[in-house]
C-alpha atoms as a PDB file:
ATOM      1  CA  MET A   1      63.845  18.319 -18.474  1.00  0.00           C
ATOM      2  CA  GLY A   2      64.040  20.741 -16.281  1.00  0.00           C
ATOM      3  CA  VAL A   3      62.192  22.704 -14.112  1.00  0.00           C
ATOM      4  CA  ALA A   4      62.518  26.637 -14.523  1.00  0.00           C
ATOM      5  CA  LEU A   5      62.657  28.600 -11.394  1.00  0.00           C
ATOM      6  CA  PRO A   6      62.739  32.551 -11.335  1.00  0.00           C
ATOM      7  CA  THR A   7      65.814  33.754 -10.081  1.00  0.00           C
ATOM      8  CA  VAL A   8      65.462  35.941  -6.663  1.00  0.00           C
ATOM      9  CA  ALA A   9      67.100  39.818  -6.966  1.00  0.00           C
ATOM     10  CA  GLN A  10      70.254  39.840  -4.738  1.00  0.00           C
ATOM     11  CA  PRO A  11      70.022  42.326  -2.268  1.00  0.00           C
ATOM     12  CA  GLY A  12      73.262  43.856  -3.225  1.00  0.00           C
ATOM     13  CA  GLU A  13      72.787  43.842  -6.729  1.00  0.00           C
ATOM     14  CA  THR A  14      72.012  46.903  -7.587  1.00  0.00           C
ATOM     15  CA  THR A  15      75.000  48.332  -5.363  1.00  0.00           C
ATOM     16  CA  ASN A  16      77.809  46.028  -7.043  1.00  0.00           C
ATOM     17  CA  ALA A  17      76.132  47.228 -10.609  1.00  0.00           C
ATOM     18  CA  VAL A  18      76.551  50.952  -9.495  1.00  0.00           C
ATOM     19  CA  LEU A  19      79.780  50.508  -7.853  1.00  0.00           C
ATOM     20  CA  ALA A  20      81.396  48.403 -10.804  1.00  0.00           C
ATOM     21  CA  GLU A  21      81.215  51.851 -13.047  1.00  0.00           C
ATOM     22  CA  VAL A  22      82.328  54.408 -10.575  1.00  0.00           C
ATOM     23  CA  GLU A  23      86.198  53.416 -11.931  1.00  0.00           C
ATOM     24  CA  ARG A  24      85.120  55.137 -14.689  1.00  0.00           C
ATOM     25  CA  GLY A  25      83.282  57.800 -13.097  1.00  0.00           C
ATOM     26  CA  TRP A  26      86.440  58.697 -11.648  1.00  0.00           C
ATOM     27  CA  LEU A  27      88.100  58.772 -14.538  1.00  0.00           C
ATOM     28  CA  LEU A  28      86.026  61.699 -15.974  1.00  0.00           C
ATOM     29  CA  ILE A  29      85.891  63.061 -12.949  1.00  0.00           C
ATOM     30  CA  PHE A  30      89.946  63.434 -12.514  1.00  0.00           C
ATOM     31  CA  SER A  31      89.882  64.786 -15.971  1.00  0.00           C
ATOM     32  CA  MET A  32      87.188  67.290 -15.619  1.00  0.00           C
ATOM     33  CA  ILE A  33      88.601  68.872 -12.403  1.00  0.00           C
ATOM     34  CA  VAL A  34      92.233  68.581 -13.930  1.00  0.00           C
ATOM     35  CA  LEU A  35      91.325  70.128 -17.281  1.00  0.00           C
ATOM     36  CA  GLY A  36      88.345  72.136 -15.696  1.00  0.00           C
ATOM     37  CA  LEU A  37      90.466  74.335 -13.100  1.00  0.00           C
ATOM     38  CA  THR A  38      93.940  74.454 -15.191  1.00  0.00           C
ATOM     39  CA  LEU A  39      91.838  76.308 -18.249  1.00  0.00           C
ATOM     40  CA  ALA A  40      90.230  78.447 -15.957  1.00  0.00           C
ATOM     41  CA  GLY A  41      93.195  79.818 -14.445  1.00  0.00           C
ATOM     42  CA  THR A  42      93.936  78.017 -11.344  1.00  0.00           C
ATOM     43  CA  GLY A  43      97.420  76.746 -11.427  1.00  0.00           C
ATOM     44  CA  ILE A  44      98.457  73.161 -12.342  1.00  0.00           C
ATOM     45  CA  GLY A  45      99.520  71.883  -8.847  1.00  0.00           C
ATOM     46  CA  GLN A  46      96.563  73.093  -7.154  1.00  0.00           C
ATOM     47  CA  ALA A  47      94.352  71.659 -10.100  1.00  0.00           C
ATOM     48  CA  VAL A  48      96.009  68.237  -9.445  1.00  0.00           C
ATOM     49  CA  LEU A  49      95.696  68.839  -5.353  1.00  0.00           C
ATOM     50  CA  LEU A  50      92.068  69.815  -5.607  1.00  0.00           C
ATOM     51  CA  SER A  51      91.371  66.428  -8.074  1.00  0.00           C
ATOM     52  CA  VAL A  52      92.600  64.054  -5.678  1.00  0.00           C
ATOM     53  CA  LEU A  53      91.058  65.762  -3.046  1.00  0.00           C
ATOM     54  CA  PHE A  54      87.483  65.588  -4.518  1.00  0.00           C
ATOM     55  CA  GLY A  55      88.624  61.927  -6.123  1.00  0.00           C
ATOM     56  CA  ALA A  56      89.250  60.767  -2.492  1.00  0.00           C
ATOM     57  CA  ALA A  57      85.577  61.803  -1.136  1.00  0.00           C
ATOM     58  CA  SER A  58      83.833  60.640  -3.465  1.00  0.00           C
ATOM     59  CA  ALA A  59      85.937  57.179  -3.425  1.00  0.00           C
ATOM     60  CA  CYS A  60      84.619  57.665   0.642  1.00  0.00           C
ATOM     61  CA  ALA A  61      80.959  58.325  -0.306  1.00  0.00           C
ATOM     62  CA  TYR A  62      80.673  55.284  -2.566  1.00  0.00           C
ATOM     63  CA  GLY A  63      82.574  53.108  -0.295  1.00  0.00           C
ATOM     64  CA  LEU A  64      80.211  54.469   2.884  1.00  0.00           C
ATOM     65  CA  LEU A  65      77.480  53.261  -0.499  1.00  0.00           C
ATOM     66  CA  GLY A  66      78.412  49.959  -0.641  1.00  0.00           C
ATOM     67  CA  ASP A  67      78.694  49.549   3.691  1.00  0.00           C
ATOM     68  CA  PHE A  68      75.358  50.799   4.277  1.00  0.00           C
ATOM     69  CA  SER A  69      73.027  49.304   1.355  1.00  0.00           C
ATOM     70  CA  ASP A  70      73.804  46.030   2.156  1.00  0.00           C
ATOM     71  CA  VAL A  71      73.640  46.619   6.104  1.00  0.00           C
ATOM     72  CA  LEU A  72      70.755  48.476   6.812  1.00  0.00           C
ATOM     73  CA  PHE A  73      68.998  50.379   3.938  1.00  0.00           C
ATOM     74  CA  GLY A  74      69.235  49.504   1.311  1.00  0.00           C
ATOM     75  CA  PHE A  75      70.502  51.194  -2.338  1.00  0.00           C
ATOM     76  CA  TRP A  76      68.130  54.003  -2.666  1.00  0.00           C
ATOM     77  CA  ALA A  77      68.098  55.072   1.048  1.00  0.00           C
ATOM     78  CA  THR A  78      71.940  54.614   1.260  1.00  0.00           C
ATOM     79  CA  ALA A  79      72.138  57.008  -2.116  1.00  0.00           C
ATOM     80  CA  GLY A  80      69.483  59.239  -1.247  1.00  0.00           C
ATOM     81  CA  PHE A  81      71.190  59.483   2.861  1.00  0.00           C
ATOM     82  CA  ILE A  82      74.753  59.304   2.055  1.00  0.00           C
ATOM     83  CA  LEU A  83      75.535  59.912  -1.477  1.00  0.00           C
ATOM     84  CA  LEU A  84      73.391  62.665  -2.631  1.00  0.00           C
ATOM     85  CA  PRO A  85      74.294  64.904   0.284  1.00  0.00           C
ATOM     86  CA  VAL A  86      78.325  64.328  -0.049  1.00  0.00           C
ATOM     87  CA  PHE A  87      78.311  65.034  -3.608  1.00  0.00           C
ATOM     88  CA  LEU A  88      75.764  68.173  -3.034  1.00  0.00           C
ATOM     89  CA  LEU A  89      78.955  69.264  -0.244  1.00  0.00           C
ATOM     90  CA  LEU A  90      81.605  68.503  -3.030  1.00  0.00           C
ATOM     91  CA  THR A  91      79.511  70.532  -5.953  1.00  0.00           C
ATOM     92  CA  TRP A  92      79.481  73.365  -3.249  1.00  0.00           C
ATOM     93  CA  LEU A  93      83.314  73.074  -2.309  1.00  0.00           C
ATOM     94  CA  LEU A  94      83.888  73.196  -6.065  1.00  0.00           C
ATOM     95  CA  THR A  95      82.119  76.155  -6.547  1.00  0.00           C
ATOM     96  CA  ARG A  96      84.087  77.773  -4.213  1.00  0.00           C
ATOM     97  CA  PHE A  97      87.552  76.677  -5.550  1.00  0.00           C
ATOM     98  CA  ALA A  98      87.012  77.196  -8.753  1.00  0.00           C
ATOM     99  CA  PRO A  99      87.211  80.660 -10.412  1.00  0.00           C
ATOM    100  CA  PRO A 100      83.537  82.037 -10.874  1.00  0.00           C
ATOM    101  CA  ALA A 101      83.556  81.686 -14.936  1.00  0.00           C
ATOM    102  CA  ALA A 102      84.084  78.044 -14.635  1.00  0.00           C
ATOM    103  CA  ALA A 103      82.611  77.238 -11.033  1.00  0.00           C
ATOM    104  CA  LYS A 104      78.705  75.959 -12.386  1.00  0.00           C
ATOM    105  CA  LEU A 105      79.882  73.994 -15.205  1.00  0.00           C
ATOM    106  CA  LEU A 106      82.742  72.334 -13.085  1.00  0.00           C
ATOM    107  CA  ALA A 107      79.415  71.405 -10.135  1.00  0.00           C
ATOM    108  CA  LEU A 108      77.465  70.439 -13.250  1.00  0.00           C
ATOM    109  CA  GLN A 109      79.925  67.838 -14.655  1.00  0.00           C
ATOM    110  CA  LEU A 110      80.477  66.334 -11.009  1.00  0.00           C
ATOM    111  CA  LEU A 111      77.257  65.498 -10.192  1.00  0.00           C
ATOM    112  CA  LEU A 112      76.683  63.683 -13.630  1.00  0.00           C
ATOM    113  CA  PHE A 113      80.235  61.859 -13.660  1.00  0.00           C
ATOM    114  CA  GLY A 114      80.053  61.345  -9.688  1.00  0.00           C
ATOM    115  CA  ILE A 115      76.156  60.222  -9.442  1.00  0.00           C
ATOM    116  CA  VAL A 116      74.689  60.071 -12.641  1.00  0.00           C
ATOM    117  CA  TYR A 117      76.656  58.098 -14.647  1.00  0.00           C
ATOM    118  CA  PRO A 118      77.621  55.366 -12.655  1.00  0.00           C
ATOM    119  CA  CYS A 119      73.971  55.075 -11.702  1.00  0.00           C
ATOM    120  CA  ALA A 120      72.423  54.847 -15.062  1.00  0.00           C
ATOM    121  CA  ALA A 121      74.893  52.696 -16.132  1.00  0.00           C
ATOM    122  CA  GLY A 122      75.480  50.606 -13.362  1.00  0.00           C
ATOM    123  CA  LEU A 123      71.270  49.758 -13.649  1.00  0.00           C
ATOM    124  CA  ASP A 124      70.797  49.727 -17.419  1.00  0.00           C
ATOM    125  CA  ALA A 125      73.297  46.661 -18.191  1.00  0.00           C
ATOM    126  CA  GLN A 126      72.366  46.572 -21.677  1.00  0.00           C
ATOM    127  CA  ARG A 127      73.323  50.757 -22.303  1.00  0.00           C
ATOM    128  CA  GLN A 128      77.074  51.029 -20.060  1.00  0.00           C
ATOM    129  CA  SER A 129      79.484  51.666 -23.124  1.00  0.00           C
ATOM    130  CA  LEU A 130      76.408  54.422 -24.644  1.00  0.00           C
ATOM    131  CA  TYR A 131      76.089  56.245 -21.287  1.00  0.00           C
ATOM    132  CA  PHE A 132      80.060  56.334 -20.714  1.00  0.00           C
ATOM    133  CA  ASP A 133      80.023  57.639 -24.274  1.00  0.00           C
ATOM    134  CA  LEU A 134      77.898  60.211 -23.612  1.00  0.00           C
ATOM    135  CA  SER A 135      79.327  61.191 -20.783  1.00  0.00           C
ATOM    136  CA  ALA A 136      82.818  61.829 -22.273  1.00  0.00           C
ATOM    137  CA  LEU A 137      81.225  63.359 -25.214  1.00  0.00           C
ATOM    138  CA  VAL A 138      79.905  66.007 -22.582  1.00  0.00           C
ATOM    139  CA  PHE A 139      83.312  66.098 -20.912  1.00  0.00           C
ATOM    140  CA  LEU A 140      84.783  67.125 -24.177  1.00  0.00           C
ATOM    141  CA  ALA A 141      82.359  69.743 -25.679  1.00  0.00           C
ATOM    142  CA  LEU A 142      82.263  71.334 -21.867  1.00  0.00           C
ATOM    143  CA  ALA A 143      86.301  71.145 -22.545  1.00  0.00           C
ATOM    144  CA  ALA A 144      86.627  72.521 -25.761  1.00  0.00           C
ATOM    145  CA  SER A 145      84.029  75.572 -24.604  1.00  0.00           C
ATOM    146  CA  GLN A 146      86.507  76.585 -21.747  1.00  0.00           C
ATOM    147  CA  LEU A 147      89.307  75.800 -24.378  1.00  0.00           C
ATOM    148  CA  VAL A 148      87.630  78.527 -26.460  1.00  0.00           C
ATOM    149  CA  ARG A 149      86.566  80.934 -24.073  1.00  0.00           C
ATOM    150  CA  ARG A 150      90.247  80.960 -22.309  1.00  0.00           C
ATOM    151  CA  PHE A 151      92.422  81.208 -25.872  1.00  0.00           C
ATOM    152  CA  PHE A 152      89.941  82.513 -28.068  1.00  0.00           C
ATOM    153  CA  GLY A 153      87.734  84.919 -25.834  1.00  0.00           C
ATOM    154  CA  GLY A 154      84.635  83.540 -26.774  1.00  0.00           C
ATOM    155  CA  TRP A 155      82.860  82.486 -29.415  1.00  0.00           C
ATOM    156  CA  PRO A 156      82.957  84.342 -32.619  1.00  0.00           C
ATOM    157  CA  ALA A 157      79.207  84.825 -32.870  1.00  0.00           C
ATOM    158  CA  ALA A 158      79.328  86.032 -29.293  1.00  0.00           C
ATOM    159  CA  ARG A 159      82.210  88.546 -29.505  1.00  0.00           C
ATOM    160  CA  ALA A 160      80.174  89.877 -32.732  1.00  0.00           C
ATOM    161  CA  MET A 161      77.348  90.962 -30.835  1.00  0.00           C
ATOM    162  CA  ALA A 162      78.850  91.946 -27.408  1.00  0.00           C
ATOM    163  CA  PRO A 163      79.165  96.001 -27.028  1.00  0.00           C
ATOM    164  CA  GLN A 164      82.092  97.269 -28.484  1.00  0.00           C
ATOM    165  CA  PRO A 165      83.749 100.036 -25.958  1.00  0.00           C
ATOM    166  CA  ALA A 166      83.381 103.303 -27.848  1.00  0.00           C
ATOM    167  CA  VAL A 167      86.468 105.091 -29.420  1.00  0.00           C
ATOM    168  CA  GLU A 168      87.331 108.766 -28.211  1.00  0.00           C
ATOM    169  CA  GLY A 169      84.936 111.286 -29.818  1.00  0.00           C
ATOM    170  CA  GLN A 170      82.356 109.026 -30.958  1.00  0.00           C
ATOM    171  CA  SER A 171      78.902 109.556 -29.214  1.00  0.00           C
ATOM    172  CA  LEU A 172      76.503 106.611 -28.424  1.00  0.00           C
END
């Protein structure tokens, strides 16, 4: 016969759970930036260099999250004071480096894979693989959209609805 005592939540438990999912988020961030910038017309060398820069900056942000969440603020306050501003700055920089046609999609993916995915998967341990699969599906869908735009000039339905240039001698 034993006594069941309630388990006390540890202060770093939330931070540890989120940081455990960051590695998969980095994988998606690197892939998204390299493929996205390459398909958008940026050179492959520049795309790789920018992916390393953004990966290192996000690693620094998560390192600061791990350090300050245990020492001063807790997870949520540290995420609000450090993680969110760093990722907003990174998305702003990405919109400046990326060609305008792909900038908003890449910035959206950076926020999704850098903040939303690690937090959702870290806080919901039962559905971690589901969150990764959904994030990978978003990555593949947006990459396919970029491929279609880059190599085929857009979706066939959009091309059919686009205004056609006037032929010489025809009146509108």
